[in-house]
Amino acid sequence: MAKTAEQALEAAVPAIGADRSKKYRDIIHLPMHQIGAKFEGTSAPFISTEAEVPEFVDDHWDETRPDWVGSSVTLDTYREVVRDENKAAFLIEASRYAPDGSLMQTFEAIFTVEKRDGDWRLISRNPFSVRMAK
């Protein structure tokens, strides 16, 4: 349970890698939206029901993104873009690393978190400027 918007952001970024310290359901509020992504079992970039929530983000990577299996994601920098008492959006820069520690890619994204019943969680991810490592 994240007490602040920043804590929700800091939990959400590693969870989009193979980090299994938090189940995916524990970092999101439904409905969850991701621009430009297809969630397993649905053609829409939304997760709107409990049945659609994978236990961990990487549950199907061996089939859908084999090059990402075992990868980790770090939050490099962020700045708050907009905020009110129940919602905050952050512009982030992050990096994805292979299991051997080599850089796979960097990207920017807008992550939006929302507070419900005192619990801040992710509700939207919008990645862009994905740059593959050379």
N, C-alpha and C. Protein backbone atom coordinates (compact mmCIF):
# COMPACT_ATOMS: atom_id res chain seq x y z
N MET A 1 0.84 -1.17 0.00
CA MET A 1 0.00 0.00 0.00
C MET A 1 0.89 1.24 0.00
N ALA A 2 0.72 2.10 -1.00
CA ALA A 2 1.52 3.32 -1.10
C ALA A 2 0.78 4.47 -0.43
N LYS A 3 1.47 5.12 0.48
CA LYS A 3 0.89 6.26 1.21
C LYS A 3 1.00 7.57 0.43
N THR A 4 1.91 7.60 -0.56
CA THR A 4 2.11 8.82 -1.35
C THR A 4 2.14 8.47 -2.84
N ALA A 5 1.94 9.48 -3.66
CA ALA A 5 2.02 9.30 -5.11
C ALA A 5 3.41 8.86 -5.52
N GLU A 6 4.41 9.42 -4.88
CA GLU A 6 5.80 9.07 -5.21
C GLU A 6 6.11 7.62 -4.85
N GLN A 7 5.59 7.13 -3.74
CA GLN A 7 5.78 5.73 -3.37
C GLN A 7 5.12 4.81 -4.39
N ALA A 8 3.95 5.20 -4.88
CA ALA A 8 3.26 4.40 -5.91
C ALA A 8 4.09 4.34 -7.18
N LEU A 9 4.65 5.46 -7.59
CA LEU A 9 5.51 5.50 -8.77
C LEU A 9 6.74 4.63 -8.57
N GLU A 10 7.39 4.76 -7.43
CA GLU A 10 8.61 4.00 -7.15
C GLU A 10 8.35 2.50 -7.08
N ALA A 11 7.13 2.08 -6.74
CA ALA A 11 6.78 0.66 -6.74
C ALA A 11 6.42 0.18 -8.14
N ALA A 12 5.79 1.05 -8.93
CA ALA A 12 5.29 0.66 -10.26
C ALA A 12 6.41 0.41 -11.27
N VAL A 13 7.46 1.22 -11.23
CA VAL A 13 8.49 1.10 -12.26
C VAL A 13 9.23 -0.25 -12.19
N PRO A 14 9.75 -0.68 -11.05
CA PRO A 14 10.41 -2.00 -11.02
C PRO A 14 9.45 -3.14 -11.37
N ALA A 15 8.18 -2.97 -11.08
CA ALA A 15 7.19 -4.03 -11.34
C ALA A 15 6.95 -4.27 -12.82
N ILE A 16 7.38 -3.35 -13.70
CA ILE A 16 7.22 -3.61 -15.14
C ILE A 16 8.41 -4.39 -15.69
N GLY A 17 9.29 -4.80 -14.82
CA GLY A 17 10.37 -5.72 -15.16
C GLY A 17 10.05 -7.07 -14.53
N ALA A 18 11.07 -7.85 -14.28
CA ALA A 18 10.88 -9.18 -13.69
C ALA A 18 10.93 -9.15 -12.16
N ASP A 19 10.95 -7.96 -11.59
CA ASP A 19 10.95 -7.82 -10.13
C ASP A 19 9.65 -8.40 -9.57
N ARG A 20 9.75 -9.33 -8.67
CA ARG A 20 8.56 -9.99 -8.13
C ARG A 20 8.34 -9.63 -6.66
N SER A 21 8.84 -8.48 -6.26
CA SER A 21 8.62 -8.06 -4.87
C SER A 21 7.19 -7.58 -4.64
N LYS A 22 6.49 -7.21 -5.71
CA LYS A 22 5.09 -6.80 -5.62
C LYS A 22 4.30 -7.45 -6.74
N LYS A 23 3.16 -8.02 -6.38
CA LYS A 23 2.27 -8.55 -7.41
C LYS A 23 1.69 -7.38 -8.19
N TYR A 24 1.37 -7.62 -9.45
CA TYR A 24 0.87 -6.55 -10.30
C TYR A 24 -0.40 -5.92 -9.72
N ARG A 25 -1.28 -6.75 -9.17
CA ARG A 25 -2.52 -6.23 -8.61
C ARG A 25 -2.26 -5.28 -7.45
N ASP A 26 -1.13 -5.44 -6.78
CA ASP A 26 -0.81 -4.60 -5.63
C ASP A 26 -0.26 -3.23 -6.01
N ILE A 27 0.01 -3.01 -7.31
CA ILE A 27 0.52 -1.70 -7.72
C ILE A 27 -0.45 -0.93 -8.59
N ILE A 28 -1.61 -1.54 -8.95
CA ILE A 28 -2.56 -0.86 -9.84
C ILE A 28 -3.94 -0.72 -9.19
N HIS A 29 -4.66 0.29 -9.65
CA HIS A 29 -6.10 0.41 -9.42
C HIS A 29 -6.76 0.12 -10.77
N LEU A 30 -7.82 -0.63 -10.76
CA LEU A 30 -8.57 -0.88 -12.00
C LEU A 30 -9.53 0.27 -12.28
N PRO A 31 -9.82 0.58 -13.51
CA PRO A 31 -9.17 0.04 -14.71
C PRO A 31 -7.77 0.61 -14.88
N MET A 32 -6.90 -0.22 -15.46
CA MET A 32 -5.52 0.17 -15.75
C MET A 32 -5.40 0.32 -17.25
N HIS A 33 -4.72 1.36 -17.69
CA HIS A 33 -4.60 1.65 -19.11
C HIS A 33 -3.14 1.82 -19.48
N GLN A 34 -2.74 1.22 -20.59
CA GLN A 34 -1.40 1.46 -21.13
C GLN A 34 -1.50 1.75 -22.60
N ILE A 35 -0.98 2.88 -23.00
CA ILE A 35 -0.94 3.26 -24.40
C ILE A 35 0.04 2.34 -25.13
N GLY A 36 -0.36 1.85 -26.29
CA GLY A 36 0.54 1.10 -27.13
C GLY A 36 0.91 -0.28 -26.64
N ALA A 37 0.11 -0.88 -25.78
CA ALA A 37 0.42 -2.21 -25.28
C ALA A 37 -0.77 -3.13 -25.43
N LYS A 38 -0.49 -4.40 -25.59
CA LYS A 38 -1.53 -5.41 -25.62
C LYS A 38 -1.33 -6.28 -24.39
N PHE A 39 -2.34 -6.34 -23.55
CA PHE A 39 -2.27 -7.19 -22.38
C PHE A 39 -2.68 -8.60 -22.77
N GLU A 40 -2.04 -9.58 -22.17
CA GLU A 40 -2.31 -10.98 -22.44
C GLU A 40 -3.80 -11.27 -22.29
N GLY A 41 -4.39 -11.91 -23.30
CA GLY A 41 -5.79 -12.31 -23.22
C GLY A 41 -6.78 -11.26 -23.68
N THR A 42 -6.32 -10.08 -24.07
CA THR A 42 -7.22 -9.05 -24.54
C THR A 42 -6.55 -8.25 -25.64
N SER A 43 -7.33 -7.75 -26.58
CA SER A 43 -6.74 -6.95 -27.65
C SER A 43 -6.71 -5.47 -27.30
N ALA A 44 -7.40 -5.08 -26.23
CA ALA A 44 -7.43 -3.68 -25.81
C ALA A 44 -6.31 -3.41 -24.80
N PRO A 45 -5.81 -2.18 -24.80
CA PRO A 45 -4.75 -1.85 -23.84
C PRO A 45 -5.30 -1.49 -22.46
N PHE A 46 -6.37 -2.13 -22.06
CA PHE A 46 -6.99 -1.89 -20.76
C PHE A 46 -7.03 -3.18 -19.96
N ILE A 47 -6.90 -3.05 -18.68
CA ILE A 47 -7.24 -4.14 -17.75
C ILE A 47 -8.37 -3.58 -16.93
N SER A 48 -9.55 -4.17 -17.07
CA SER A 48 -10.70 -3.61 -16.37
C SER A 48 -11.35 -4.57 -15.38
N THR A 49 -10.99 -5.85 -15.45
CA THR A 49 -11.56 -6.81 -14.51
C THR A 49 -10.45 -7.56 -13.79
N GLU A 50 -10.77 -8.07 -12.62
CA GLU A 50 -9.79 -8.84 -11.84
C GLU A 50 -9.25 -10.02 -12.64
N ALA A 51 -10.09 -10.65 -13.44
CA ALA A 51 -9.67 -11.82 -14.22
C ALA A 51 -8.57 -11.48 -15.22
N GLU A 52 -8.48 -10.24 -15.64
CA GLU A 52 -7.48 -9.82 -16.62
C GLU A 52 -6.13 -9.46 -16.00
N VAL A 53 -6.06 -9.35 -14.70
CA VAL A 53 -4.83 -8.92 -14.04
C VAL A 53 -3.87 -10.10 -13.91
N PRO A 54 -2.70 -10.02 -14.57
CA PRO A 54 -1.72 -11.09 -14.38
C PRO A 54 -1.12 -11.00 -12.97
N GLU A 55 -0.66 -12.12 -12.46
CA GLU A 55 -0.05 -12.08 -11.13
C GLU A 55 1.17 -11.17 -11.13
N PHE A 56 2.01 -11.32 -12.17
CA PHE A 56 3.19 -10.47 -12.36
C PHE A 56 3.21 -10.03 -13.82
N VAL A 57 3.79 -8.87 -14.09
CA VAL A 57 3.83 -8.34 -15.45
C VAL A 57 4.52 -9.31 -16.41
N ASP A 58 5.53 -10.01 -15.92
CA ASP A 58 6.33 -10.87 -16.81
C ASP A 58 5.78 -12.29 -16.96
N ASP A 59 4.58 -12.55 -16.49
CA ASP A 59 4.02 -13.91 -16.51
C ASP A 59 4.07 -14.59 -17.88
N HIS A 60 3.89 -13.85 -18.98
CA HIS A 60 3.81 -14.45 -20.31
C HIS A 60 4.97 -14.04 -21.22
N TRP A 61 6.00 -13.45 -20.65
CA TRP A 61 7.09 -12.98 -21.49
C TRP A 61 7.81 -14.10 -22.23
N ASP A 62 7.85 -15.30 -21.66
CA ASP A 62 8.52 -16.39 -22.38
C ASP A 62 7.86 -16.63 -23.72
N GLU A 63 6.57 -16.28 -23.87
CA GLU A 63 5.85 -16.42 -25.12
C GLU A 63 5.78 -15.12 -25.91
N THR A 64 5.58 -13.99 -25.22
CA THR A 64 5.32 -12.73 -25.91
C THR A 64 6.55 -11.83 -26.07
N ARG A 65 7.49 -11.87 -25.15
CA ARG A 65 8.69 -11.03 -25.17
C ARG A 65 9.88 -11.81 -24.61
N PRO A 66 10.30 -12.87 -25.29
CA PRO A 66 11.36 -13.72 -24.74
C PRO A 66 12.65 -12.98 -24.44
N ASP A 67 12.94 -11.92 -25.19
CA ASP A 67 14.17 -11.15 -24.93
C ASP A 67 14.08 -10.35 -23.63
N TRP A 68 12.89 -10.18 -23.08
CA TRP A 68 12.71 -9.44 -21.83
C TRP A 68 12.71 -10.34 -20.60
N VAL A 69 12.69 -11.65 -20.75
CA VAL A 69 12.65 -12.56 -19.60
C VAL A 69 13.83 -12.27 -18.68
N GLY A 70 13.54 -12.02 -17.41
CA GLY A 70 14.57 -11.74 -16.43
C GLY A 70 15.07 -10.31 -16.40
N SER A 71 14.50 -9.44 -17.25
CA SER A 71 14.97 -8.06 -17.30
C SER A 71 14.47 -7.26 -16.11
N SER A 72 15.18 -6.20 -15.80
CA SER A 72 14.78 -5.32 -14.70
C SER A 72 14.64 -3.89 -15.23
N VAL A 73 13.83 -3.11 -14.53
CA VAL A 73 13.60 -1.72 -14.93
C VAL A 73 13.90 -0.82 -13.73
N THR A 74 14.65 0.23 -14.00
CA THR A 74 14.96 1.20 -12.94
C THR A 74 14.38 2.56 -13.29
N LEU A 75 13.96 3.26 -12.28
CA LEU A 75 13.49 4.63 -12.41
C LEU A 75 14.72 5.53 -12.31
N ASP A 76 15.05 6.20 -13.41
CA ASP A 76 16.26 7.02 -13.43
C ASP A 76 15.97 8.43 -12.91
N THR A 77 14.95 9.07 -13.46
CA THR A 77 14.54 10.40 -13.00
C THR A 77 13.03 10.53 -13.17
N TYR A 78 12.46 11.48 -12.45
CA TYR A 78 11.06 11.81 -12.67
C TYR A 78 10.79 13.23 -12.22
N ARG A 79 9.74 13.77 -12.80
CA ARG A 79 9.24 15.07 -12.33
C ARG A 79 7.73 15.05 -12.42
N GLU A 80 7.13 15.71 -11.46
CA GLU A 80 5.68 15.80 -11.42
C GLU A 80 5.21 16.74 -12.52
N VAL A 81 4.20 16.31 -13.28
CA VAL A 81 3.67 17.11 -14.37
C VAL A 81 2.40 17.84 -13.91
N VAL A 82 1.54 17.12 -13.21
CA VAL A 82 0.28 17.69 -12.73
C VAL A 82 -0.17 16.90 -11.51
N ARG A 83 -0.89 17.56 -10.61
CA ARG A 83 -1.32 16.86 -9.40
C ARG A 83 -2.52 17.57 -8.78
N ASP A 84 -3.42 16.77 -8.22
CA ASP A 84 -4.44 17.29 -7.31
C ASP A 84 -4.46 16.35 -6.12
N GLU A 85 -5.46 16.44 -5.27
CA GLU A 85 -5.45 15.64 -4.04
C GLU A 85 -5.61 14.13 -4.28
N ASN A 86 -6.10 13.72 -5.46
CA ASN A 86 -6.35 12.30 -5.71
C ASN A 86 -5.64 11.73 -6.93
N LYS A 87 -4.90 12.53 -7.65
CA LYS A 87 -4.26 12.03 -8.86
C LYS A 87 -2.98 12.81 -9.10
N ALA A 88 -1.97 12.12 -9.62
CA ALA A 88 -0.71 12.76 -9.99
C ALA A 88 -0.16 12.09 -11.24
N ALA A 89 0.42 12.89 -12.12
CA ALA A 89 1.07 12.37 -13.32
C ALA A 89 2.54 12.77 -13.27
N PHE A 90 3.40 11.82 -13.63
CA PHE A 90 4.84 12.02 -13.60
C PHE A 90 5.42 11.74 -14.98
N LEU A 91 6.35 12.57 -15.41
CA LEU A 91 7.17 12.29 -16.58
C LEU A 91 8.41 11.59 -16.05
N ILE A 92 8.62 10.37 -16.51
CA ILE A 92 9.75 9.59 -16.01
C ILE A 92 10.75 9.28 -17.11
N GLU A 93 11.96 9.01 -16.70
CA GLU A 93 12.98 8.39 -17.54
C GLU A 93 13.36 7.10 -16.83
N ALA A 94 13.41 6.01 -17.59
CA ALA A 94 13.70 4.71 -17.01
C ALA A 94 14.61 3.91 -17.94
N SER A 95 15.19 2.86 -17.38
CA SER A 95 16.09 1.99 -18.14
C SER A 95 15.71 0.54 -17.89
N ARG A 96 15.79 -0.26 -18.96
CA ARG A 96 15.57 -1.71 -18.86
C ARG A 96 16.92 -2.39 -19.05
N TYR A 97 17.22 -3.33 -18.13
CA TYR A 97 18.49 -4.06 -18.15
C TYR A 97 18.25 -5.55 -18.35
N ALA A 98 19.12 -6.19 -19.09
CA ALA A 98 19.09 -7.64 -19.28
C ALA A 98 19.52 -8.30 -17.96
N PRO A 99 19.24 -9.60 -17.82
CA PRO A 99 19.65 -10.29 -16.59
C PRO A 99 21.14 -10.20 -16.28
N ASP A 100 21.98 -10.04 -17.31
CA ASP A 100 23.42 -9.92 -17.08
C ASP A 100 23.85 -8.50 -16.70
N GLY A 101 22.87 -7.58 -16.61
CA GLY A 101 23.16 -6.21 -16.21
C GLY A 101 23.43 -5.25 -17.36
N SER A 102 23.45 -5.77 -18.58
CA SER A 102 23.68 -4.88 -19.72
C SER A 102 22.41 -4.10 -20.05
N LEU A 103 22.60 -2.87 -20.52
CA LEU A 103 21.49 -2.00 -20.86
C LEU A 103 20.79 -2.49 -22.12
N MET A 104 19.47 -2.66 -22.03
CA MET A 104 18.68 -3.06 -23.19
C MET A 104 18.05 -1.85 -23.88
N GLN A 105 17.47 -0.95 -23.08
CA GLN A 105 16.78 0.20 -23.63
C GLN A 105 16.58 1.25 -22.54
N THR A 106 16.35 2.46 -22.99
CA THR A 106 15.90 3.53 -22.12
C THR A 106 14.60 4.06 -22.71
N PHE A 107 13.79 4.67 -21.87
CA PHE A 107 12.54 5.23 -22.37
C PHE A 107 12.04 6.32 -21.44
N GLU A 108 11.13 7.10 -21.98
CA GLU A 108 10.40 8.07 -21.20
C GLU A 108 8.96 7.59 -21.15
N ALA A 109 8.23 8.07 -20.17
CA ALA A 109 6.82 7.68 -20.05
C ALA A 109 6.10 8.68 -19.15
N ILE A 110 4.81 8.72 -19.31
CA ILE A 110 3.95 9.39 -18.35
C ILE A 110 3.29 8.30 -17.53
N PHE A 111 3.51 8.30 -16.24
CA PHE A 111 2.86 7.38 -15.31
C PHE A 111 1.88 8.20 -14.49
N THR A 112 0.64 7.75 -14.45
CA THR A 112 -0.39 8.43 -13.66
C THR A 112 -0.81 7.52 -12.53
N VAL A 113 -0.85 8.07 -11.33
CA VAL A 113 -1.26 7.33 -10.14
C VAL A 113 -2.49 8.00 -9.54
N GLU A 114 -3.28 7.20 -8.85
CA GLU A 114 -4.51 7.72 -8.25
C GLU A 114 -4.64 7.22 -6.82
N LYS A 115 -5.21 8.06 -5.97
CA LYS A 115 -5.45 7.69 -4.58
C LYS A 115 -6.92 7.28 -4.42
N ARG A 116 -7.11 6.07 -3.90
CA ARG A 116 -8.43 5.57 -3.54
C ARG A 116 -8.35 4.98 -2.15
N ASP A 117 -9.24 5.43 -1.30
CA ASP A 117 -9.27 4.95 0.08
C ASP A 117 -7.90 5.04 0.75
N GLY A 118 -7.18 6.11 0.47
CA GLY A 118 -5.88 6.33 1.09
C GLY A 118 -4.73 5.57 0.46
N ASP A 119 -4.98 4.82 -0.60
CA ASP A 119 -3.98 3.97 -1.24
C ASP A 119 -3.68 4.48 -2.64
N TRP A 120 -2.45 4.94 -2.87
CA TRP A 120 -2.02 5.40 -4.19
C TRP A 120 -1.56 4.21 -5.01
N ARG A 121 -2.06 4.12 -6.25
CA ARG A 121 -1.63 3.07 -7.18
C ARG A 121 -1.66 3.59 -8.62
N LEU A 122 -0.96 2.86 -9.48
CA LEU A 122 -0.87 3.19 -10.90
C LEU A 122 -2.21 2.97 -11.60
N ILE A 123 -2.59 3.92 -12.47
CA ILE A 123 -3.79 3.74 -13.29
C ILE A 123 -3.50 3.87 -14.78
N SER A 124 -2.33 4.42 -15.14
CA SER A 124 -2.04 4.60 -16.56
C SER A 124 -0.53 4.70 -16.78
N ARG A 125 -0.09 4.06 -17.90
CA ARG A 125 1.30 4.16 -18.36
C ARG A 125 1.27 4.54 -19.83
N ASN A 126 2.09 5.49 -20.18
CA ASN A 126 2.19 5.91 -21.57
C ASN A 126 3.66 6.04 -21.94
N PRO A 127 4.30 4.93 -22.34
CA PRO A 127 5.72 4.98 -22.71
C PRO A 127 5.93 5.60 -24.09
N PHE A 128 7.04 6.31 -24.25
CA PHE A 128 7.42 6.88 -25.54
C PHE A 128 8.92 7.07 -25.55
N SER A 129 9.45 7.50 -26.67
CA SER A 129 10.90 7.72 -26.82
C SER A 129 11.70 6.51 -26.37
N VAL A 130 11.28 5.32 -26.79
CA VAL A 130 12.02 4.11 -26.48
C VAL A 130 13.29 4.09 -27.33
N ARG A 131 14.42 3.98 -26.65
CA ARG A 131 15.71 3.98 -27.34
C ARG A 131 16.43 2.67 -27.00
N MET A 132 16.70 1.89 -28.03
CA MET A 132 17.39 0.62 -27.84
C MET A 132 18.88 0.88 -27.61
N ALA A 133 19.49 0.10 -26.73
CA ALA A 133 20.92 0.23 -26.48
C ALA A 133 21.68 -0.23 -27.72
N LYS A 134 22.82 0.35 -27.91
CA LYS A 134 23.64 -0.01 -29.08
C LYS A 134 24.65 -1.05 -28.73
